[in-house]
Amino acid sequence: MDFTSVRVITDDVERLATFWEQVTGLPANRPVPVFAELRTSARGLVPQTVPEIVLAPTEMPWGNRSVILRDPDGGLANLSTPVTPEAKAKYGL
């Protein structure tokens, strides 16, 4: 699953930044205590830890494969990647 950025909005930035570091295997940039960001130019997502999965990886009718996770705040995160030729073309892949 390719992605470029995850930004965390929460009352507990450190807890969610750590959660996303564990899920993605990427270090979080913490320029100030109230903000964290994980970035990559394009990388396959190989979870380092498995969070609560709300929706198992599913191919959507529009050509993306999607998985929905629950974070420690109870929020939902939908991670997706284009898998059909049409969906890949839409993103220039």
PDB file of N, CA and C in Angstrom:
ATOM      1  N   MET A   1       0.852  -1.156   0.000  1.00  0.00           N
ATOM      2  CA  MET A   1       0.000   0.000   0.000  1.00  0.00           C
ATOM      3  C   MET A   1       0.903   1.226   0.000  1.00  0.00           C
ATOM      4  N   ASP A   2       0.805   2.088  -0.997  1.00  0.00           N
ATOM      5  CA  ASP A   2       1.639   3.279  -1.083  1.00  0.00           C
ATOM      6  C   ASP A   2       0.932   4.475  -0.466  1.00  0.00           C
ATOM      7  N   PHE A   3       1.676   5.256   0.286  1.00  0.00           N
ATOM      8  CA  PHE A   3       1.133   6.486   0.839  1.00  0.00           C
ATOM      9  C   PHE A   3       2.265   7.479   0.979  1.00  0.00           C
ATOM     10  N   THR A   4       1.926   8.740   1.183  1.00  0.00           N
ATOM     11  CA  THR A   4       2.966   9.760   1.293  1.00  0.00           C
ATOM     12  C   THR A   4       2.979  10.469   2.626  1.00  0.00           C
ATOM     13  N   SER A   5       1.875  10.553   3.336  1.00  0.00           N
ATOM     14  CA  SER A   5       1.880  11.314   4.578  1.00  0.00           C
ATOM     15  C   SER A   5       0.716  10.916   5.473  1.00  0.00           C
ATOM     16  N   VAL A   6       0.958  10.920   6.766  1.00  0.00           N
ATOM     17  CA  VAL A   6      -0.094  10.758   7.765  1.00  0.00           C
ATOM     18  C   VAL A   6       0.076  11.893   8.752  1.00  0.00           C
ATOM     19  N   ARG A   7      -0.953  12.655   8.980  1.00  0.00           N
ATOM     20  CA  ARG A   7      -0.926  13.714   9.981  1.00  0.00           C
ATOM     21  C   ARG A   7      -1.875  13.348  11.101  1.00  0.00           C
ATOM     22  N   VAL A   8      -1.431  13.573  12.323  1.00  0.00           N
ATOM     23  CA  VAL A   8      -2.166  13.145  13.508  1.00  0.00           C
ATOM     24  C   VAL A   8      -2.822  14.353  14.164  1.00  0.00           C
ATOM     25  N   ILE A   9      -4.145  14.288  14.366  1.00  0.00           N
ATOM     26  CA  ILE A   9      -4.879  15.345  15.065  1.00  0.00           C
ATOM     27  C   ILE A   9      -5.529  14.683  16.271  1.00  0.00           C
ATOM     28  N   THR A  10      -5.088  15.103  17.469  1.00  0.00           N
ATOM     29  CA  THR A  10      -5.526  14.432  18.688  1.00  0.00           C
ATOM     30  C   THR A  10      -5.189  15.274  19.902  1.00  0.00           C
ATOM     31  N   ASP A  11      -5.765  14.944  21.039  1.00  0.00           N
ATOM     32  CA  ASP A  11      -5.384  15.581  22.298  1.00  0.00           C
ATOM     33  C   ASP A  11      -4.095  14.990  22.850  1.00  0.00           C
ATOM     34  N   ASP A  12      -3.711  13.785  22.371  1.00  0.00           N
ATOM     35  CA  ASP A  12      -2.499  13.121  22.848  1.00  0.00           C
ATOM     36  C   ASP A  12      -1.610  12.775  21.652  1.00  0.00           C
ATOM     37  N   VAL A  13      -0.897  13.775  21.156  1.00  0.00           N
ATOM     38  CA  VAL A  13      -0.067  13.618  19.958  1.00  0.00           C
ATOM     39  C   VAL A  13       0.971  12.519  20.141  1.00  0.00           C
ATOM     40  N   GLU A  14       1.619  12.479  21.287  1.00  0.00           N
ATOM     41  CA  GLU A  14       2.675  11.493  21.501  1.00  0.00           C
ATOM     42  C   GLU A  14       2.142  10.064  21.385  1.00  0.00           C
ATOM     43  N   ARG A  15       0.987   9.799  21.984  1.00  0.00           N
ATOM     44  CA  ARG A  15       0.414   8.445  21.945  1.00  0.00           C
ATOM     45  C   ARG A  15       0.077   8.032  20.512  1.00  0.00           C
ATOM     46  N   LEU A  16      -0.569   8.931  19.731  1.00  0.00           N
ATOM     47  CA  LEU A  16      -0.933   8.555  18.373  1.00  0.00           C
ATOM     48  C   LEU A  16       0.264   8.541  17.440  1.00  0.00           C
ATOM     49  N   ALA A  17       1.234   9.420  17.661  1.00  0.00           N
ATOM     50  CA  ALA A  17       2.456   9.378  16.847  1.00  0.00           C
ATOM     51  C   ALA A  17       3.165   8.040  17.064  1.00  0.00           C
ATOM     52  N   THR A  18       3.240   7.608  18.295  1.00  0.00           N
ATOM     53  CA  THR A  18       3.867   6.322  18.604  1.00  0.00           C
ATOM     54  C   THR A  18       3.085   5.172  17.971  1.00  0.00           C
ATOM     55  N   PHE A  19       1.746   5.230  18.038  1.00  0.00           N
ATOM     56  CA  PHE A  19       0.895   4.224  17.399  1.00  0.00           C
ATOM     57  C   PHE A  19       1.213   4.125  15.911  1.00  0.00           C
ATOM     58  N   TRP A  20       1.252   5.266  15.209  1.00  0.00           N
ATOM     59  CA  TRP A  20       1.501   5.250  13.763  1.00  0.00           C
ATOM     60  C   TRP A  20       2.931   4.837  13.444  1.00  0.00           C
ATOM     61  N   GLU A  21       3.880   5.153  14.308  1.00  0.00           N
ATOM     62  CA  GLU A  21       5.250   4.654  14.110  1.00  0.00           C
ATOM     63  C   GLU A  21       5.261   3.128  14.165  1.00  0.00           C
ATOM     64  N   GLN A  22       4.517   2.557  15.103  1.00  0.00           N
ATOM     65  CA  GLN A  22       4.460   1.106  15.246  1.00  0.00           C
ATOM     66  C   GLN A  22       3.743   0.455  14.066  1.00  0.00           C
ATOM     67  N   VAL A  23       2.679   1.076  13.572  1.00  0.00           N
ATOM     68  CA  VAL A  23       1.929   0.519  12.445  1.00  0.00           C
ATOM     69  C   VAL A  23       2.740   0.599  11.155  1.00  0.00           C
ATOM     70  N   THR A  24       3.383   1.731  10.899  1.00  0.00           N
ATOM     71  CA  THR A  24       4.057   1.942   9.617  1.00  0.00           C
ATOM     72  C   THR A  24       5.532   1.576   9.608  1.00  0.00           C
ATOM     73  N   GLY A  25       6.168   1.559  10.781  1.00  0.00           N
ATOM     74  CA  GLY A  25       7.609   1.351  10.825  1.00  0.00           C
ATOM     75  C   GLY A  25       8.395   2.590  10.458  1.00  0.00           C
ATOM     76  N   LEU A  26       7.727   3.725  10.341  1.00  0.00           N
ATOM     77  CA  LEU A  26       8.366   5.000   9.995  1.00  0.00           C
ATOM     78  C   LEU A  26       8.530   5.861  11.238  1.00  0.00           C
ATOM     79  N   PRO A  27       9.593   6.660  11.305  1.00  0.00           N
ATOM     80  CA  PRO A  27       9.724   7.587  12.426  1.00  0.00           C
ATOM     81  C   PRO A  27       8.820   8.806  12.215  1.00  0.00           C
ATOM     82  N   ALA A  28       8.249   9.288  13.286  1.00  0.00           N
ATOM     83  CA  ALA A  28       7.420  10.492  13.212  1.00  0.00           C
ATOM     84  C   ALA A  28       8.298  11.720  13.422  1.00  0.00           C
ATOM     85  N   ASN A  29       8.051  12.725  12.619  1.00  0.00           N
ATOM     86  CA  ASN A  29       8.692  14.019  12.802  1.00  0.00           C
ATOM     87  C   ASN A  29       7.825  14.801  13.790  1.00  0.00           C
ATOM     88  N   ARG A  30       8.434  15.286  14.869  1.00  0.00           N
ATOM     89  CA  ARG A  30       7.714  16.030  15.900  1.00  0.00           C
ATOM     90  C   ARG A  30       8.344  17.420  16.032  1.00  0.00           C
ATOM     91  N   PRO A  31       8.025  18.334  15.117  1.00  0.00           N
ATOM     92  CA  PRO A  31       8.661  19.650  15.166  1.00  0.00           C
ATOM     93  C   PRO A  31       8.265  20.472  16.393  1.00  0.00           C
ATOM     94  N   VAL A  32       7.060  20.248  16.887  1.00  0.00           N
ATOM     95  CA  VAL A  32       6.557  20.911  18.096  1.00  0.00           C
ATOM     96  C   VAL A  32       5.690  19.897  18.839  1.00  0.00           C
ATOM     97  N   PRO A  33       5.476  20.076  20.134  1.00  0.00           N
ATOM     98  CA  PRO A  33       4.722  19.062  20.908  1.00  0.00           C
ATOM     99  C   PRO A  33       3.290  18.817  20.447  1.00  0.00           C
ATOM    100  N   VAL A  34       2.689  19.759  19.721  1.00  0.00           N
ATOM    101  CA  VAL A  34       1.284  19.605  19.326  1.00  0.00           C
ATOM    102  C   VAL A  34       1.111  19.101  17.901  1.00  0.00           C
ATOM    103  N   PHE A  35       2.183  18.637  17.266  1.00  0.00           N
ATOM    104  CA  PHE A  35       2.107  18.217  15.876  1.00  0.00           C
ATOM    105  C   PHE A  35       3.087  17.084  15.607  1.00  0.00           C
ATOM    106  N   ALA A  36       2.648  16.098  14.851  1.00  0.00           N
ATOM    107  CA  ALA A  36       3.522  15.011  14.412  1.00  0.00           C
ATOM    108  C   ALA A  36       3.140  14.645  12.991  1.00  0.00           C
ATOM    109  N   GLU A  37       4.127  14.225  12.212  1.00  0.00           N
ATOM    110  CA  GLU A  37       3.871  13.826  10.830  1.00  0.00           C
ATOM    111  C   GLU A  37       4.783  12.665  10.465  1.00  0.00           C
ATOM    112  N   LEU A  38       4.234  11.706   9.740  1.00  0.00           N
ATOM    113  CA  LEU A  38       5.008  10.604   9.179  1.00  0.00           C
ATOM    114  C   LEU A  38       4.992  10.788   7.673  1.00  0.00           C
ATOM    115  N   ARG A  39       6.167  10.769   7.054  1.00  0.00           N
ATOM    116  CA  ARG A  39       6.239  10.996   5.614  1.00  0.00           C
ATOM    117  C   ARG A  39       7.090   9.954   4.923  1.00  0.00           C
ATOM    118  N   THR A  40       6.733   9.719   3.667  1.00  0.00           N
ATOM    119  CA  THR A  40       7.541   8.870   2.795  1.00  0.00           C
ATOM    120  C   THR A  40       7.247   9.284   1.365  1.00  0.00           C
ATOM    121  N   SER A  41       8.203   9.106   0.473  1.00  0.00           N
ATOM    122  CA  SER A  41       7.973   9.481  -0.925  1.00  0.00           C
ATOM    123  C   SER A  41       6.989   8.519  -1.584  1.00  0.00           C
ATOM    124  N   ALA A  42       7.019   7.297  -1.244  1.00  0.00           N
ATOM    125  CA  ALA A  42       6.078   6.248  -1.678  1.00  0.00           C
ATOM    126  C   ALA A  42       6.679   4.945  -1.200  1.00  0.00           C
ATOM    127  N   ARG A  43       5.965   4.254  -0.385  1.00  0.00           N
ATOM    128  CA  ARG A  43       6.515   3.054   0.234  1.00  0.00           C
ATOM    129  C   ARG A  43       5.387   2.074   0.497  1.00  0.00           C
ATOM    130  N   GLY A  44       5.695   0.828   0.386  1.00  0.00           N
ATOM    131  CA  GLY A  44       4.704  -0.180   0.720  1.00  0.00           C
ATOM    132  C   GLY A  44       4.491  -0.222   2.221  1.00  0.00           C
ATOM    133  N   LEU A  45       3.262  -0.322   2.635  1.00  0.00           N
ATOM    134  CA  LEU A  45       2.940  -0.378   4.052  1.00  0.00           C
ATOM    135  C   LEU A  45       3.007  -1.827   4.519  1.00  0.00           C
ATOM    136  N   VAL A  46       3.930  -2.103   5.417  1.00  0.00           N
ATOM    137  CA  VAL A  46       4.066  -3.419   6.033  1.00  0.00           C
ATOM    138  C   VAL A  46       3.925  -3.194   7.534  1.00  0.00           C
ATOM    139  N   PRO A  47       2.717  -3.395   8.079  1.00  0.00           N
ATOM    140  CA  PRO A  47       2.502  -3.090   9.494  1.00  0.00           C
ATOM    141  C   PRO A  47       3.511  -3.776  10.408  1.00  0.00           C
ATOM    142  N   GLN A  48       4.056  -3.002  11.330  1.00  0.00           N
ATOM    143  CA  GLN A  48       4.972  -3.524  12.333  1.00  0.00           C
ATOM    144  C   GLN A  48       4.195  -4.081  13.512  1.00  0.00           C
ATOM    145  N   THR A  49       3.004  -3.566  13.708  1.00  0.00           N
ATOM    146  CA  THR A  49       2.089  -4.039  14.734  1.00  0.00           C
ATOM    147  C   THR A  49       0.700  -4.028  14.111  1.00  0.00           C
ATOM    148  N   VAL A  50      -0.168  -4.884  14.549  1.00  0.00           N
ATOM    149  CA  VAL A  50      -1.503  -4.954  13.955  1.00  0.00           C
ATOM    150  C   VAL A  50      -2.502  -4.300  14.903  1.00  0.00           C
ATOM    151  N   PRO A  51      -3.037  -3.138  14.502  1.00  0.00           N
ATOM    152  CA  PRO A  51      -4.051  -2.481  15.326  1.00  0.00           C
ATOM    153  C   PRO A  51      -5.398  -3.178  15.144  1.00  0.00           C
ATOM    154  N   GLU A  52      -6.423  -2.658  15.794  1.00  0.00           N
ATOM    155  CA  GLU A  52      -7.770  -3.204  15.596  1.00  0.00           C
ATOM    156  C   GLU A  52      -8.188  -2.939  14.155  1.00  0.00           C
ATOM    157  N   ILE A  53      -8.521  -3.990  13.444  1.00  0.00           N
ATOM    158  CA  ILE A  53      -8.967  -3.857  12.057  1.00  0.00           C
ATOM    159  C   ILE A  53     -10.486  -3.855  12.049  1.00  0.00           C
ATOM    160  N   VAL A  54     -11.064  -2.771  11.545  1.00  0.00           N
ATOM    161  CA  VAL A  54     -12.519  -2.624  11.482  1.00  0.00           C
ATOM    162  C   VAL A  54     -13.052  -3.216  10.178  1.00  0.00           C
ATOM    163  N   LEU A  55     -12.322  -3.000   9.081  1.00  0.00           N
ATOM    164  CA  LEU A  55     -12.668  -3.570   7.783  1.00  0.00           C
ATOM    165  C   LEU A  55     -11.412  -4.211   7.215  1.00  0.00           C
ATOM    166  N   ALA A  56     -11.453  -5.525   7.028  1.00  0.00           N
ATOM    167  CA  ALA A  56     -10.304  -6.238   6.453  1.00  0.00           C
ATOM    168  C   ALA A  56     -10.019  -5.696   5.055  1.00  0.00           C
ATOM    169  N   PRO A  57      -8.797  -5.861   4.557  1.00  0.00           N
ATOM    170  CA  PRO A  57      -8.497  -5.384   3.203  1.00  0.00           C
ATOM    171  C   PRO A  57      -9.546  -5.872   2.206  1.00  0.00           C
ATOM    172  N   THR A  58     -10.146  -4.901   1.513  1.00  0.00           N
ATOM    173  CA  THR A  58     -11.259  -5.163   0.608  1.00  0.00           C
ATOM    174  C   THR A  58     -11.054  -4.379  -0.672  1.00  0.00           C
ATOM    175  N   GLU A  59     -11.268  -5.013  -1.816  1.00  0.00           N
ATOM    176  CA  GLU A  59     -11.188  -4.275  -3.072  1.00  0.00           C
ATOM    177  C   GLU A  59     -12.523  -3.573  -3.307  1.00  0.00           C
ATOM    178  N   MET A  60     -12.442  -2.252  -3.467  1.00  0.00           N
ATOM    179  CA  MET A  60     -13.639  -1.442  -3.651  1.00  0.00           C
ATOM    180  C   MET A  60     -14.035  -1.417  -5.131  1.00  0.00           C
ATOM    181  N   PRO A  61     -15.304  -1.135  -5.424  1.00  0.00           N
ATOM    182  CA  PRO A  61     -15.770  -1.130  -6.823  1.00  0.00           C
ATOM    183  C   PRO A  61     -15.014  -0.132  -7.708  1.00  0.00           C
ATOM    184  N   TRP A  62     -14.444   0.923  -7.126  1.00  0.00           N
ATOM    185  CA  TRP A  62     -13.739   1.944  -7.914  1.00  0.00           C
ATOM    186  C   TRP A  62     -12.259   1.601  -8.108  1.00  0.00           C
ATOM    187  N   GLY A  63     -11.830   0.401  -7.644  1.00  0.00           N
ATOM    188  CA  GLY A  63     -10.495  -0.077  -7.957  1.00  0.00           C
ATOM    189  C   GLY A  63      -9.435   0.094  -6.892  1.00  0.00           C
ATOM    190  N   ASN A  64      -9.796   0.589  -5.722  1.00  0.00           N
ATOM    191  CA  ASN A  64      -8.836   0.698  -4.621  1.00  0.00           C
ATOM    192  C   ASN A  64      -9.006  -0.475  -3.669  1.00  0.00           C
ATOM    193  N   ARG A  65      -7.908  -0.889  -3.056  1.00  0.00           N
ATOM    194  CA  ARG A  65      -7.976  -1.839  -1.943  1.00  0.00           C
ATOM    195  C   ARG A  65      -7.902  -0.994  -0.679  1.00  0.00           C
ATOM    196  N   SER A  66      -8.785  -1.240   0.244  1.00  0.00           N
ATOM    197  CA  SER A  66      -8.912  -0.410   1.432  1.00  0.00           C
ATOM    198  C   SER A  66      -8.948  -1.261   2.685  1.00  0.00           C
ATOM    199  N   VAL A  67      -8.349  -0.757   3.759  1.00  0.00           N
ATOM    200  CA  VAL A  67      -8.438  -1.373   5.075  1.00  0.00           C
ATOM    201  C   VAL A  67      -8.751  -0.243   6.057  1.00  0.00           C
ATOM    202  N   ILE A  68      -9.642  -0.487   6.993  1.00  0.00           N
ATOM    203  CA  ILE A  68      -9.986   0.530   7.995  1.00  0.00           C
ATOM    204  C   ILE A  68      -9.494   0.045   9.354  1.00  0.00           C
ATOM    205  N   LEU A  69      -8.701   0.911   9.999  1.00  0.00           N
ATOM    206  CA  LEU A  69      -8.120   0.628  11.314  1.00  0.00           C
ATOM    207  C   LEU A  69      -8.733   1.546  12.355  1.00  0.00           C
ATOM    208  N   ARG A  70      -8.701   1.119  13.621  1.00  0.00           N
ATOM    209  CA  ARG A  70      -9.118   1.981  14.730  1.00  0.00           C
ATOM    210  C   ARG A  70      -7.862   2.372  15.501  1.00  0.00           C
ATOM    211  N   ASP A  71      -7.699   3.677  15.731  1.00  0.00           N
ATOM    212  CA  ASP A  71      -6.524   4.152  16.473  1.00  0.00           C
ATOM    213  C   ASP A  71      -6.826   4.178  17.974  1.00  0.00           C
ATOM    214  N   PRO A  72      -5.824   4.449  18.807  1.00  0.00           N
ATOM    215  CA  PRO A  72      -6.033   4.431  20.260  1.00  0.00           C
ATOM    216  C   PRO A  72      -7.063   5.448  20.771  1.00  0.00           C
ATOM    217  N   ASP A  73      -7.337   6.516  20.001  1.00  0.00           N
ATOM    218  CA  ASP A  73      -8.374   7.472  20.385  1.00  0.00           C
ATOM    219  C   ASP A  73      -9.767   6.982  20.014  1.00  0.00           C
ATOM    220  N   GLY A  74      -9.831   5.858  19.281  1.00  0.00           N
ATOM    221  CA  GLY A  74     -11.119   5.350  18.812  1.00  0.00           C
ATOM    222  C   GLY A  74     -11.459   5.843  17.418  1.00  0.00           C
ATOM    223  N   GLY A  75     -10.593   6.680  16.838  1.00  0.00           N
ATOM    224  CA  GLY A  75     -10.823   7.198  15.496  1.00  0.00           C
ATOM    225  C   GLY A  75     -10.565   6.140  14.440  1.00  0.00           C
ATOM    226  N   LEU A  76     -11.190   6.320  13.297  1.00  0.00           N
ATOM    227  CA  LEU A  76     -11.015   5.379  12.202  1.00  0.00           C
ATOM    228  C   LEU A  76     -10.054   5.964  11.171  1.00  0.00           C
ATOM    229  N   ALA A  77      -9.198   5.110  10.615  1.00  0.00           N
ATOM    230  CA  ALA A  77      -8.282   5.511   9.554  1.00  0.00           C
ATOM    231  C   ALA A  77      -8.487   4.558   8.390  1.00  0.00           C
ATOM    232  N   ASN A  78      -8.789   5.112   7.232  1.00  0.00           N
ATOM    233  CA  ASN A  78      -8.984   4.324   6.024  1.00  0.00           C
ATOM    234  C   ASN A  78      -7.711   4.420   5.200  1.00  0.00           C
ATOM    235  N   LEU A  79      -6.973   3.313   5.085  1.00  0.00           N
ATOM    236  CA  LEU A  79      -5.763   3.266   4.280  1.00  0.00           C
ATOM    237  C   LEU A  79      -6.115   2.557   2.982  1.00  0.00           C
ATOM    238  N   SER A  80      -5.758   3.160   1.860  1.00  0.00           N
ATOM    239  CA  SER A  80      -6.117   2.540   0.591  1.00  0.00           C
ATOM    240  C   SER A  80      -5.010   2.731  -0.427  1.00  0.00           C
ATOM    241  N   THR A  81      -5.050   1.893  -1.444  1.00  0.00           N
ATOM    242  CA  THR A  81      -4.112   1.979  -2.556  1.00  0.00           C
ATOM    243  C   THR A  81      -4.833   1.526  -3.818  1.00  0.00           C
ATOM    244  N   PRO A  82      -4.540   2.159  -4.949  1.00  0.00           N
ATOM    245  CA  PRO A  82      -5.167   1.720  -6.194  1.00  0.00           C
ATOM    246  C   PRO A  82      -4.589   0.372  -6.633  1.00  0.00           C
ATOM    247  N   VAL A  83      -5.462  -0.538  -7.087  1.00  0.00           N
ATOM    248  CA  VAL A  83      -4.998  -1.863  -7.501  1.00  0.00           C
ATOM    249  C   VAL A  83      -5.389  -2.216  -8.939  1.00  0.00           C
ATOM    250  N   THR A  84      -6.452  -1.635  -9.466  1.00  0.00           N
ATOM    251  CA  THR A  84      -6.825  -1.932 -10.844  1.00  0.00           C
ATOM    252  C   THR A  84      -6.062  -0.993 -11.784  1.00  0.00           C
ATOM    253  N   PRO A  85      -5.902  -1.382 -13.047  1.00  0.00           N
ATOM    254  CA  PRO A  85      -5.214  -0.499 -13.987  1.00  0.00           C
ATOM    255  C   PRO A  85      -5.856   0.887 -14.077  1.00  0.00           C
ATOM    256  N   GLU A  86      -7.191   0.935 -14.048  1.00  0.00           N
ATOM    257  CA  GLU A  86      -7.898   2.217 -14.133  1.00  0.00           C
ATOM    258  C   GLU A  86      -7.597   3.110 -12.921  1.00  0.00           C
ATOM    259  N   ALA A  87      -7.629   2.516 -11.726  1.00  0.00           N
ATOM    260  CA  ALA A  87      -7.360   3.282 -10.507  1.00  0.00           C
ATOM    261  C   ALA A  87      -5.912   3.735 -10.474  1.00  0.00           C
ATOM    262  N   LYS A  88      -4.981   2.875 -10.885  1.00  0.00           N
ATOM    263  CA  LYS A  88      -3.573   3.267 -10.926  1.00  0.00           C
ATOM    264  C   LYS A  88      -3.353   4.415 -11.894  1.00  0.00           C
ATOM    265  N   ALA A  89      -4.008   4.355 -13.054  1.00  0.00           N
ATOM    266  CA  ALA A  89      -3.871   5.421 -14.048  1.00  0.00           C
ATOM    267  C   ALA A  89      -4.357   6.762 -13.501  1.00  0.00           C
ATOM    268  N   LYS A  90      -5.412   6.727 -12.688  1.00  0.00           N
ATOM    269  CA  LYS A  90      -5.944   7.952 -12.092  1.00  0.00           C
ATOM    270  C   LYS A  90      -4.898   8.658 -11.248  1.00  0.00           C
ATOM    271  N   TYR A  91      -4.014   7.879 -10.596  1.00  0.00           N
ATOM    272  CA  TYR A  91      -2.969   8.441  -9.728  1.00  0.00           C
ATOM    273  C   TYR A  91      -1.598   8.485 -10.404  1.00  0.00           C
ATOM    274  N   GLY A  92      -1.573   8.192 -11.695  1.00  0.00           N
ATOM    275  CA  GLY A  92      -0.326   8.252 -12.435  1.00  0.00           C
ATOM    276  C   GLY A  92       0.655   7.146 -12.058  1.00  0.00           C
ATOM    277  N   LEU A  93       0.149   5.997 -11.649  1.00  0.00           N
ATOM    278  CA  LEU A  93       0.997   4.877 -11.248  1.00  0.00           C
ATOM    279  C   LEU A  93       1.124   3.835 -12.339  1.00  0.00           C
TER     280      LEU A  93
END
